Amino acid sequence: MDAPLLRVAFQGELGAFSEEAIQQVWVDGAEPLPHRDFSDVIRAVQTGAADRGVIPIENTIVGGIPAAHDAIMAALDIHVVAEAVVNVHHCLLGPPGATFEGVKMVLSHPVALAQCGNFFAKHPRLEVHSVYDTGGAALDVSNVGDPEIAAVASRNAGQRYKLSVLMPDIEDRADNQTRFLVISRTPQTWPIGTPVRTCVIITHEDRPGALLRVMEPLARHGMDIRRLESRPTGEPWSYLFFLEFDHAYGEPVVDVVLKEMTAAARKLRILGTFPRWNPGRRGSIGWRSGSLPPVQ
């Protein structure tokens, strides 16, 4: 008997780019479970309603996604176990019979709209409205069937909801990409030597040089920092930092680095260690199926 498919929660409706991330991570199939927002995705994983969750964390045009960082920050009992990168090409989608010239209103997720700023600057007649998801925008346009209302979403969403492509590839850059993190209730282990990335959340003391002292062990031991993102803690003018660094799984020096960083920080939380999407490049672009250990 075949094992049941993993249930994977994501934010949005079917046809969202998060569903494409799920298809890339689980090439043999997974059951995508749509949810309204990021906190719902995390809650589904926490309660066991989903086996895994997929959350977009950053985009090459607009940078970090604040709501995703905040949702992860608030969840103390989840672990990051994988990453995925999706090439993001936005299309203007309308119901059958619609024309670009006839469109007056455009719906999409605010992050997607921000990735198409140049397009909307060239067409100021278009009235833009933010909704909770690209796939949801496509679904709404399909349900309403008004030729004056269009959506910004993927070609896949257009095909799913039987919409016409009125304008293809309207993103600001042709190499637009979004990086996703996979979350789980439990951490995973990997073969020794696997090229991995470790993600931590840091809060530091309020004194000059405090953040430098927390990060100094990384430089001293030759660890390569890949990303540093600040977010408000909730207290006025107080911040924490999401930090990611690369190494090989099982390197003894990593335990030393984390111990020294923890000693220098007010608080350090390890979110997870996971295989890099593309071990051979600075970014995480161009991963081939089967080149990394499977995500269980």
C-alpha atoms as a PDB file:
ATOM      1  CA  MET A   1       0.000   0.000   0.000  1.00  0.00           C
ATOM      2  CA  ASP A   2       1.354   3.437  -0.920  1.00  0.00           C
ATOM      3  CA  ALA A   3       2.160   5.761   1.968  1.00  0.00           C
ATOM      4  CA  PRO A   4      -0.280   8.675   2.317  1.00  0.00           C
ATOM      5  CA  LEU A   5       0.853  11.988   0.873  1.00  0.00           C
ATOM      6  CA  LEU A   6       2.212  14.574   3.280  1.00  0.00           C
ATOM      7  CA  ARG A   7      -0.329  17.281   4.044  1.00  0.00           C
ATOM      8  CA  VAL A   8       1.341  20.644   3.416  1.00  0.00           C
ATOM      9  CA  ALA A   9      -0.285  23.888   4.546  1.00  0.00           C
ATOM     10  CA  PHE A  10       0.258  27.124   2.623  1.00  0.00           C
ATOM     11  CA  GLN A  11      -1.131  30.647   2.598  1.00  0.00           C
ATOM     12  CA  GLY A  12      -3.580  31.373  -0.196  1.00  0.00           C
ATOM     13  CA  GLU A  13      -5.676  29.455  -2.668  1.00  0.00           C
ATOM     14  CA  LEU A  14      -4.708  26.701  -5.082  1.00  0.00           C
ATOM     15  CA  GLY A  15      -2.770  28.246  -7.931  1.00  0.00           C
ATOM     16  CA  ALA A  16      -0.680  30.453  -5.628  1.00  0.00           C
ATOM     17  CA  PHE A  17       3.091  30.448  -6.016  1.00  0.00           C
ATOM     18  CA  SER A  18       3.278  28.655  -2.661  1.00  0.00           C
ATOM     19  CA  GLU A  19       1.660  25.651  -4.330  1.00  0.00           C
ATOM     20  CA  GLU A  20       4.464  25.718  -6.914  1.00  0.00           C
ATOM     21  CA  ALA A  21       6.976  25.649  -4.049  1.00  0.00           C
ATOM     22  CA  ILE A  22       5.239  22.566  -2.653  1.00  0.00           C
ATOM     23  CA  GLN A  23       5.485  20.856  -6.043  1.00  0.00           C
ATOM     24  CA  GLN A  24       9.196  21.625  -6.216  1.00  0.00           C
ATOM     25  CA  VAL A  25      10.000  20.302  -2.740  1.00  0.00           C
ATOM     26  CA  TRP A  26       7.862  17.155  -2.959  1.00  0.00           C
ATOM     27  CA  VAL A  27       8.393  16.060  -6.538  1.00  0.00           C
ATOM     28  CA  ASP A  28       6.586  12.775  -5.853  1.00  0.00           C
ATOM     29  CA  GLY A  29       3.501  14.598  -4.648  1.00  0.00           C
ATOM     30  CA  ALA A  30       1.999  16.194  -1.547  1.00  0.00           C
ATOM     31  CA  GLU A  31      -1.481  17.302  -0.555  1.00  0.00           C
ATOM     32  CA  PRO A  32      -1.620  21.133  -0.563  1.00  0.00           C
ATOM     33  CA  LEU A  33      -3.865  22.628   2.122  1.00  0.00           C
ATOM     34  CA  PRO A  34      -4.906  26.272   1.512  1.00  0.00           C
ATOM     35  CA  HIS A  35      -5.100  28.651   4.501  1.00  0.00           C
ATOM     36  CA  ARG A  36      -6.050  32.289   4.909  1.00  0.00           C
ATOM     37  CA  ASP A  37      -2.849  33.712   6.414  1.00  0.00           C
ATOM     38  CA  PHE A  38       0.596  32.771   7.679  1.00  0.00           C
ATOM     39  CA  SER A  39      -0.493  32.286  11.279  1.00  0.00           C
ATOM     40  CA  ASP A  40      -3.112  29.783  10.092  1.00  0.00           C
ATOM     41  CA  VAL A  41      -0.396  27.842   8.252  1.00  0.00           C
ATOM     42  CA  ILE A  42       1.753  27.682  11.369  1.00  0.00           C
ATOM     43  CA  ARG A  43      -1.217  26.739  13.549  1.00  0.00           C
ATOM     44  CA  ALA A  44      -2.086  23.866  11.197  1.00  0.00           C
ATOM     45  CA  VAL A  45       1.444  22.490  11.626  1.00  0.00           C
ATOM     46  CA  GLN A  46       1.415  23.007  15.384  1.00  0.00           C
ATOM     47  CA  THR A  47      -1.888  21.174  15.849  1.00  0.00           C
ATOM     48  CA  GLY A  48      -1.100  18.341  13.456  1.00  0.00           C
ATOM     49  CA  ALA A  49      -3.773  19.381  10.960  1.00  0.00           C
ATOM     50  CA  ALA A  50      -0.862  19.583   8.491  1.00  0.00           C
ATOM     51  CA  ASP A  51       2.405  17.656   8.405  1.00  0.00           C
ATOM     52  CA  ARG A  52       4.408  20.577   7.000  1.00  0.00           C
ATOM     53  CA  GLY A  53       3.931  24.213   6.112  1.00  0.00           C
ATOM     54  CA  VAL A  54       5.392  26.369   3.349  1.00  0.00           C
ATOM     55  CA  ILE A  55       5.889  30.101   3.915  1.00  0.00           C
ATOM     56  CA  PRO A  56       7.421  32.719   1.564  1.00  0.00           C
ATOM     57  CA  ILE A  57      10.203  34.517   3.406  1.00  0.00           C
ATOM     58  CA  GLU A  58      11.850  36.836   0.847  1.00  0.00           C
ATOM     59  CA  ASN A  59      11.684  38.021  -2.743  1.00  0.00           C
ATOM     60  CA  THR A  60      14.448  39.273  -5.019  1.00  0.00           C
ATOM     61  CA  ILE A  61      12.552  42.504  -5.813  1.00  0.00           C
ATOM     62  CA  VAL A  62      10.794  43.516  -2.598  1.00  0.00           C
ATOM     63  CA  GLY A  63      13.102  41.794  -0.086  1.00  0.00           C
ATOM     64  CA  GLY A  64      11.930  40.211   3.158  1.00  0.00           C
ATOM     65  CA  ILE A  65       8.233  39.557   3.760  1.00  0.00           C
ATOM     66  CA  PRO A  66       7.476  41.107   7.179  1.00  0.00           C
ATOM     67  CA  ALA A  67       4.270  39.193   7.961  1.00  0.00           C
ATOM     68  CA  ALA A  68       6.026  35.882   7.342  1.00  0.00           C
ATOM     69  CA  HIS A  69       8.915  36.790   9.645  1.00  0.00           C
ATOM     70  CA  ASP A  70       6.525  37.902  12.363  1.00  0.00           C
ATOM     71  CA  ALA A  71       4.448  34.712  12.142  1.00  0.00           C
ATOM     72  CA  ILE A  72       7.549  32.537  12.430  1.00  0.00           C
ATOM     73  CA  MET A  73       8.917  34.686  15.250  1.00  0.00           C
ATOM     74  CA  ALA A  74       5.731  34.159  17.282  1.00  0.00           C
ATOM     75  CA  ALA A  75       5.773  30.351  16.926  1.00  0.00           C
ATOM     76  CA  LEU A  76       8.190  28.900  19.471  1.00  0.00           C
ATOM     77  CA  ASP A  77       7.567  25.225  18.663  1.00  0.00           C
ATOM     78  CA  ILE A  78       8.268  24.967  14.932  1.00  0.00           C
ATOM     79  CA  HIS A  79      11.441  24.142  13.014  1.00  0.00           C
ATOM     80  CA  VAL A  80      12.630  25.088   9.535  1.00  0.00           C
ATOM     81  CA  VAL A  81      13.562  21.899   7.646  1.00  0.00           C
ATOM     82  CA  ALA A  82      13.903  22.963   3.999  1.00  0.00           C
ATOM     83  CA  GLU A  83      13.912  25.857   1.578  1.00  0.00           C
ATOM     84  CA  ALA A  84      12.710  26.282  -1.994  1.00  0.00           C
ATOM     85  CA  VAL A  85      13.062  28.999  -4.619  1.00  0.00           C
ATOM     86  CA  VAL A  86      10.346  29.630  -7.198  1.00  0.00           C
ATOM     87  CA  ASN A  87      10.755  31.661 -10.368  1.00  0.00           C
ATOM     88  CA  VAL A  88       7.928  34.192 -10.193  1.00  0.00           C
ATOM     89  CA  HIS A  89       6.377  35.447 -13.416  1.00  0.00           C
ATOM     90  CA  HIS A  90       3.209  37.482 -12.980  1.00  0.00           C
ATOM     91  CA  CYS A  91       0.487  37.709 -15.584  1.00  0.00           C
ATOM     92  CA  LEU A  92      -2.480  40.033 -15.855  1.00  0.00           C
ATOM     93  CA  LEU A  93      -5.417  37.621 -16.007  1.00  0.00           C
ATOM     94  CA  GLY A  94      -8.997  38.318 -17.013  1.00  0.00           C
ATOM     95  CA  PRO A  95     -12.162  36.323 -17.684  1.00  0.00           C
ATOM     96  CA  PRO A  96     -12.720  34.948 -21.208  1.00  0.00           C
ATOM     97  CA  GLY A  97     -13.497  37.769 -23.597  1.00  0.00           C
ATOM     98  CA  ALA A  98     -11.781  40.447 -21.509  1.00  0.00           C
ATOM     99  CA  THR A  99      -9.220  42.762 -23.100  1.00  0.00           C
ATOM    100  CA  PHE A 100      -6.370  44.706 -21.541  1.00  0.00           C
ATOM    101  CA  GLU A 101      -7.871  47.955 -22.803  1.00  0.00           C
ATOM    102  CA  GLY A 102     -11.125  47.188 -21.018  1.00  0.00           C
ATOM    103  CA  VAL A 103      -9.638  46.419 -17.609  1.00  0.00           C
ATOM    104  CA  LYS A 104     -10.225  49.057 -14.926  1.00  0.00           C
ATOM    105  CA  MET A 105      -9.515  47.219 -11.651  1.00  0.00           C
ATOM    106  CA  VAL A 106      -6.708  44.786 -10.721  1.00  0.00           C
ATOM    107  CA  LEU A 107      -6.647  42.460  -7.715  1.00  0.00           C
ATOM    108  CA  SER A 108      -3.653  40.692  -6.162  1.00  0.00           C
ATOM    109  CA  HIS A 109      -1.558  40.153  -3.052  1.00  0.00           C
ATOM    110  CA  PRO A 110       0.269  43.368  -2.048  1.00  0.00           C
ATOM    111  CA  VAL A 111       3.687  41.697  -2.369  1.00  0.00           C
ATOM    112  CA  ALA A 112       2.845  40.594  -5.915  1.00  0.00           C
ATOM    113  CA  LEU A 113       1.611  44.080  -6.789  1.00  0.00           C
ATOM    114  CA  ALA A 114       4.859  45.547  -5.438  1.00  0.00           C
ATOM    115  CA  GLN A 115       6.822  43.259  -7.762  1.00  0.00           C
ATOM    116  CA  CYS A 116       4.993  44.835 -10.725  1.00  0.00           C
ATOM    117  CA  GLY A 117       5.490  48.488  -9.808  1.00  0.00           C
ATOM    118  CA  ASN A 118       6.893  49.503 -13.192  1.00  0.00           C
ATOM    119  CA  PHE A 119       3.913  48.021 -15.023  1.00  0.00           C
ATOM    120  CA  PHE A 120       1.394  49.923 -12.926  1.00  0.00           C
ATOM    121  CA  ALA A 121       3.424  53.123 -13.184  1.00  0.00           C
ATOM    122  CA  LYS A 122       3.115  52.851 -16.982  1.00  0.00           C
ATOM    123  CA  HIS A 123      -0.639  52.227 -16.736  1.00  0.00           C
ATOM    124  CA  PRO A 124      -1.933  54.619 -14.047  1.00  0.00           C
ATOM    125  CA  ARG A 125      -5.525  54.162 -15.248  1.00  0.00           C
ATOM    126  CA  LEU A 126      -5.575  50.751 -13.552  1.00  0.00           C
ATOM    127  CA  GLU A 127      -7.154  50.828 -10.089  1.00  0.00           C
ATOM    128  CA  VAL A 128      -5.178  48.437  -7.872  1.00  0.00           C
ATOM    129  CA  HIS A 129      -6.731  46.588  -4.915  1.00  0.00           C
ATOM    130  CA  SER A 130      -4.835  44.343  -2.488  1.00  0.00           C
ATOM    131  CA  VAL A 131      -6.296  40.962  -1.579  1.00  0.00           C
ATOM    132  CA  TYR A 132      -4.907  38.155   0.532  1.00  0.00           C
ATOM    133  CA  ASP A 133      -3.418  35.995  -2.239  1.00  0.00           C
ATOM    134  CA  THR A 134      -2.571  35.774  -5.942  1.00  0.00           C
ATOM    135  CA  GLY A 135      -4.457  32.504  -6.357  1.00  0.00           C
ATOM    136  CA  GLY A 136      -7.379  33.993  -4.445  1.00  0.00           C
ATOM    137  CA  ALA A 137      -7.371  37.013  -6.739  1.00  0.00           C
ATOM    138  CA  ALA A 138      -7.569  34.725  -9.775  1.00  0.00           C
ATOM    139  CA  LEU A 139     -10.404  32.763  -8.166  1.00  0.00           C
ATOM    140  CA  ASP A 140     -12.321  35.972  -7.403  1.00  0.00           C
ATOM    141  CA  VAL A 141     -11.928  37.244 -10.964  1.00  0.00           C
ATOM    142  CA  SER A 142     -13.135  33.901 -12.308  1.00  0.00           C
ATOM    143  CA  ASN A 143     -16.156  33.899  -9.990  1.00  0.00           C
ATOM    144  CA  VAL A 144     -17.153  37.491 -10.770  1.00  0.00           C
ATOM    145  CA  GLY A 145     -16.590  37.205 -14.522  1.00  0.00           C
ATOM    146  CA  ASP A 146     -16.468  40.984 -15.019  1.00  0.00           C
ATOM    147  CA  PRO A 147     -14.225  41.927 -18.000  1.00  0.00           C
ATOM    148  CA  GLU A 148     -13.305  45.157 -16.214  1.00  0.00           C
ATOM    149  CA  ILE A 149     -11.731  43.271 -13.285  1.00  0.00           C
ATOM    150  CA  ALA A 150      -8.428  41.402 -13.649  1.00  0.00           C
ATOM    151  CA  ALA A 151      -5.945  39.638 -11.381  1.00  0.00           C
ATOM    152  CA  VAL A 152      -2.174  39.506 -11.102  1.00  0.00           C
ATOM    153  CA  ALA A 153      -1.229  35.855 -10.662  1.00  0.00           C
ATOM    154  CA  SER A 154       0.656  32.985 -12.285  1.00  0.00           C
ATOM    155  CA  ARG A 155      -0.098  31.258 -15.565  1.00  0.00           C
ATOM    156  CA  ASN A 156      -0.916  28.164 -13.508  1.00  0.00           C
ATOM    157  CA  ALA A 157      -3.577  30.109 -11.616  1.00  0.00           C
ATOM    158  CA  GLY A 158      -4.985  31.336 -14.929  1.00  0.00           C
ATOM    159  CA  GLN A 159      -5.211  27.811 -16.269  1.00  0.00           C
ATOM    160  CA  ARG A 160      -6.747  26.505 -13.041  1.00  0.00           C
ATOM    161  CA  TYR A 161      -9.478  29.147 -13.013  1.00  0.00           C
ATOM    162  CA  LYS A 162      -9.952  29.339 -16.805  1.00  0.00           C
ATOM    163  CA  LEU A 163      -8.740  32.920 -17.181  1.00  0.00           C
ATOM    164  CA  SER A 164      -7.105  34.555 -20.195  1.00  0.00           C
ATOM    165  CA  VAL A 165      -3.612  36.032 -20.134  1.00  0.00           C
ATOM    166  CA  LEU A 166      -4.136  39.697 -20.989  1.00  0.00           C
ATOM    167  CA  MET A 167      -0.510  40.681 -20.404  1.00  0.00           C
ATOM    168  CA  PRO A 168       2.317  38.211 -19.635  1.00  0.00           C
ATOM    169  CA  ASP A 169       5.396  38.630 -17.454  1.00  0.00           C
ATOM    170  CA  ILE A 170       4.620  42.036 -15.932  1.00  0.00           C
ATOM    171  CA  GLU A 171       7.081  41.696 -13.029  1.00  0.00           C
ATOM    172  CA  ASP A 172       9.787  44.371 -12.760  1.00  0.00           C
ATOM    173  CA  ARG A 173      12.626  41.900 -13.383  1.00  0.00           C
ATOM    174  CA  ALA A 174      12.756  38.773 -15.511  1.00  0.00           C
ATOM    175  CA  ASP A 175      14.788  37.015 -12.788  1.00  0.00           C
ATOM    176  CA  ASN A 176      12.153  37.639 -10.112  1.00  0.00           C
ATOM    177  CA  GLN A 177      12.211  34.847  -7.512  1.00  0.00           C
ATOM    178  CA  THR A 178      10.664  34.088  -4.142  1.00  0.00           C
ATOM    179  CA  ARG A 179      12.297  31.954  -1.478  1.00  0.00           C
ATOM    180  CA  PHE A 180      10.133  29.732   0.724  1.00  0.00           C
ATOM    181  CA  LEU A 181      10.829  28.004   4.033  1.00  0.00           C
ATOM    182  CA  VAL A 182       9.352  24.634   4.971  1.00  0.00           C
ATOM    183  CA  ILE A 183       8.316  24.297   8.618  1.00  0.00           C
ATOM    184  CA  SER A 184       7.733  21.198  10.724  1.00  0.00           C
ATOM    185  CA  ARG A 185       6.934  20.280  14.326  1.00  0.00           C
ATOM    186  CA  THR A 186      10.244  18.414  14.575  1.00  0.00           C
ATOM    187  CA  PRO A 187      13.740  19.108  13.202  1.00  0.00           C
ATOM    188  CA  GLN A 188      15.399  16.864  10.635  1.00  0.00           C
ATOM    189  CA  THR A 189      18.871  15.411  10.417  1.00  0.00           C
ATOM    190  CA  TRP A 190      20.955  15.162   7.240  1.00  0.00           C
ATOM    191  CA  PRO A 191      23.920  13.142   5.981  1.00  0.00           C
ATOM    192  CA  ILE A 192      27.233  14.381   7.347  1.00  0.00           C
ATOM    193  CA  GLY A 193      28.780  16.890   4.960  1.00  0.00           C
ATOM    194  CA  THR A 194      25.503  18.017   3.364  1.00  0.00           C
ATOM    195  CA  PRO A 195      25.735  21.727   2.405  1.00  0.00           C
ATOM    196  CA  VAL A 196      23.240  23.309   4.784  1.00  0.00           C
ATOM    197  CA  ARG A 197      22.029  26.653   6.050  1.00  0.00           C
ATOM    198  CA  THR A 198      21.264  27.379   9.716  1.00  0.00           C
ATOM    199  CA  CYS A 199      18.726  30.051  10.635  1.00  0.00           C
ATOM    200  CA  VAL A 200      18.688  31.690  14.076  1.00  0.00           C
ATOM    201  CA  ILE A 201      16.789  34.532  15.755  1.00  0.00           C
ATOM    202  CA  ILE A 202      18.927  36.851  17.861  1.00  0.00           C
ATOM    203  CA  THR A 203      18.130  39.475  20.466  1.00  0.00           C
ATOM    204  CA  HIS A 204      21.071  41.354  21.963  1.00  0.00           C
ATOM    205  CA  GLU A 205      21.842  43.622  24.876  1.00  0.00           C
ATOM    206  CA  ASP A 206      21.151  47.343  24.476  1.00  0.00           C
ATOM    207  CA  ARG A 207      24.712  48.593  24.454  1.00  0.00           C
ATOM    208  CA  PRO A 208      27.235  49.662  21.800  1.00  0.00           C
ATOM    209  CA  GLY A 209      28.766  46.779  19.863  1.00  0.00           C
ATOM    210  CA  ALA A 210      26.351  44.175  21.242  1.00  0.00           C
ATOM    211  CA  LEU A 211      25.280  42.830  17.833  1.00  0.00           C
ATOM    212  CA  LEU A 212      28.898  42.794  16.644  1.00  0.00           C
ATOM    213  CA  ARG A 213      29.883  40.656  19.626  1.00  0.00           C
ATOM    214  CA  VAL A 214      27.107  38.159  18.852  1.00  0.00           C
ATOM    215  CA  MET A 215      28.184  37.853  15.217  1.00  0.00           C
ATOM    216  CA  GLU A 216      31.938  37.875  15.767  1.00  0.00           C
ATOM    217  CA  PRO A 217      32.250  34.086  16.332  1.00  0.00           C
ATOM    218  CA  LEU A 218      30.944  33.535  12.799  1.00  0.00           C
ATOM    219  CA  ALA A 219      33.775  35.562  11.300  1.00  0.00           C
ATOM    220  CA  ARG A 220      36.424  34.144  13.619  1.00  0.00           C
ATOM    221  CA  HIS A 221      35.497  30.548  12.740  1.00  0.00           C
ATOM    222  CA  GLY A 222      35.042  31.181   9.003  1.00  0.00           C
ATOM    223  CA  MET A 223      31.246  30.844   8.833  1.00  0.00           C
ATOM    224  CA  ASP A 224      29.609  32.560   5.839  1.00  0.00           C
ATOM    225  CA  ILE A 225      26.669  34.825   6.738  1.00  0.00           C
ATOM    226  CA  ARG A 226      24.079  34.756   3.961  1.00  0.00           C
ATOM    227  CA  ARG A 227      21.266  36.882   5.331  1.00  0.00           C
ATOM    228  CA  LEU A 228      20.535  39.302   8.177  1.00  0.00           C
ATOM    229  CA  GLU A 229      17.018  40.718   8.597  1.00  0.00           C
ATOM    230  CA  SER A 230      15.750  42.918  11.445  1.00  0.00           C
ATOM    231  CA  ARG A 231      12.203  42.947  12.829  1.00  0.00           C
ATOM    232  CA  PRO A 232      10.602  44.889  15.710  1.00  0.00           C
ATOM    233  CA  THR A 233      10.281  42.897  18.930  1.00  0.00           C
ATOM    234  CA  GLY A 234       6.976  44.513  19.868  1.00  0.00           C
ATOM    235  CA  GLU A 235       8.636  46.825  22.378  1.00  0.00           C
ATOM    236  CA  PRO A 236       9.171  50.429  21.202  1.00  0.00           C
ATOM    237  CA  TRP A 237      12.387  50.845  19.195  1.00  0.00           C
ATOM    238  CA  SER A 238      13.625  47.377  20.028  1.00  0.00           C
ATOM    239  CA  TYR A 239      14.641  44.855  17.369  1.00  0.00           C
ATOM    240  CA  LEU A 240      15.594  41.253  16.825  1.00  0.00           C
ATOM    241  CA  PHE A 241      17.504  39.734  13.932  1.00  0.00           C
ATOM    242  CA  PHE A 242      16.964  36.750  11.674  1.00  0.00           C
ATOM    243  CA  LEU A 243      20.433  35.505  10.720  1.00  0.00           C
ATOM    244  CA  GLU A 244      21.340  32.694   8.329  1.00  0.00           C
ATOM    245  CA  PHE A 245      24.763  31.192   7.730  1.00  0.00           C
ATOM    246  CA  ASP A 246      26.103  28.367   5.570  1.00  0.00           C
ATOM    247  CA  HIS A 247      28.200  25.365   6.561  1.00  0.00           C
ATOM    248  CA  ALA A 248      28.476  21.621   6.098  1.00  0.00           C
ATOM    249  CA  TYR A 249      26.173  19.491   8.233  1.00  0.00           C
ATOM    250  CA  GLY A 250      27.987  17.874  11.160  1.00  0.00           C
ATOM    251  CA  GLU A 251      30.917  20.309  11.301  1.00  0.00           C
ATOM    252  CA  PRO A 252      32.014  20.354  14.969  1.00  0.00           C
ATOM    253  CA  VAL A 253      32.913  24.042  14.744  1.00  0.00           C
ATOM    254  CA  VAL A 254      29.240  24.941  14.271  1.00  0.00           C
ATOM    255  CA  ASP A 255      28.437  23.836  17.834  1.00  0.00           C
ATOM    256  CA  VAL A 256      31.292  26.015  19.071  1.00  0.00           C
ATOM    257  CA  VAL A 257      30.039  28.996  17.063  1.00  0.00           C
ATOM    258  CA  LEU A 258      26.463  28.653  18.324  1.00  0.00           C
ATOM    259  CA  LYS A 259      27.658  28.276  21.926  1.00  0.00           C
ATOM    260  CA  GLU A 260      29.757  31.441  21.680  1.00  0.00           C
ATOM    261  CA  MET A 261      26.945  33.367  19.962  1.00  0.00           C
ATOM    262  CA  THR A 262      24.468  32.272  22.627  1.00  0.00           C
ATOM    263  CA  ALA A 263      26.827  33.438  25.373  1.00  0.00           C
ATOM    264  CA  ALA A 264      27.112  36.876  23.742  1.00  0.00           C
ATOM    265  CA  ALA A 265      23.383  37.306  23.003  1.00  0.00           C
ATOM    266  CA  ARG A 266      20.513  38.183  25.262  1.00  0.00           C
ATOM    267  CA  LYS A 267      18.673  35.313  23.576  1.00  0.00           C
ATOM    268  CA  LEU A 268      19.400  33.052  20.619  1.00  0.00           C
ATOM    269  CA  ARG A 269      16.832  30.679  19.130  1.00  0.00           C
ATOM    270  CA  ILE A 270      17.781  28.133  16.474  1.00  0.00           C
ATOM    271  CA  LEU A 271      14.986  27.955  13.897  1.00  0.00           C
ATOM    272  CA  GLY A 272      16.505  25.082  11.948  1.00  0.00           C
ATOM    273  CA  THR A 273      19.239  23.632   9.777  1.00  0.00           C
ATOM    274  CA  PHE A 274      18.293  22.608   6.246  1.00  0.00           C
ATOM    275  CA  PRO A 275      19.913  21.726   2.894  1.00  0.00           C
ATOM    276  CA  ARG A 276      20.704  24.684   0.681  1.00  0.00           C
ATOM    277  CA  TRP A 277      18.582  24.857  -2.452  1.00  0.00           C
ATOM    278  CA  ASN A 278      21.703  25.217  -4.566  1.00  0.00           C
ATOM    279  CA  PRO A 279      24.922  24.413  -2.662  1.00  0.00           C
ATOM    280  CA  GLY A 280      27.177  25.702  -5.435  1.00  0.00           C
ATOM    281  CA  ARG A 281      26.019  29.328  -5.591  1.00  0.00           C
ATOM    282  CA  ARG A 282      25.708  32.250  -3.235  1.00  0.00           C
ATOM    283  CA  GLY A 283      21.971  32.310  -3.793  1.00  0.00           C
ATOM    284  CA  SER A 284      19.551  29.432  -4.006  1.00  0.00           C
ATOM    285  CA  ILE A 285      18.859  29.383  -7.723  1.00  0.00           C
ATOM    286  CA  GLY A 286      18.686  26.527 -10.169  1.00  0.00           C
ATOM    287  CA  TRP A 287      18.274  23.487  -7.891  1.00  0.00           C
ATOM    288  CA  ARG A 288      17.666  20.226  -9.712  1.00  0.00           C
ATOM    289  CA  SER A 289      15.258  17.616  -8.426  1.00  0.00           C
ATOM    290  CA  GLY A 290      17.045  14.823  -6.657  1.00  0.00           C
ATOM    291  CA  SER A 291      20.271  16.715  -5.903  1.00  0.00           C
ATOM    292  CA  LEU A 292      19.432  17.158  -2.212  1.00  0.00           C
ATOM    293  CA  PRO A 293      18.247  14.766   0.502  1.00  0.00           C
ATOM    294  CA  PRO A 294      14.473  14.361   0.457  1.00  0.00           C
ATOM    295  CA  VAL A 295      12.350  16.381   2.879  1.00  0.00           C
ATOM    296  CA  GLN A 296      10.438  13.896   5.001  1.00  0.00           C
END
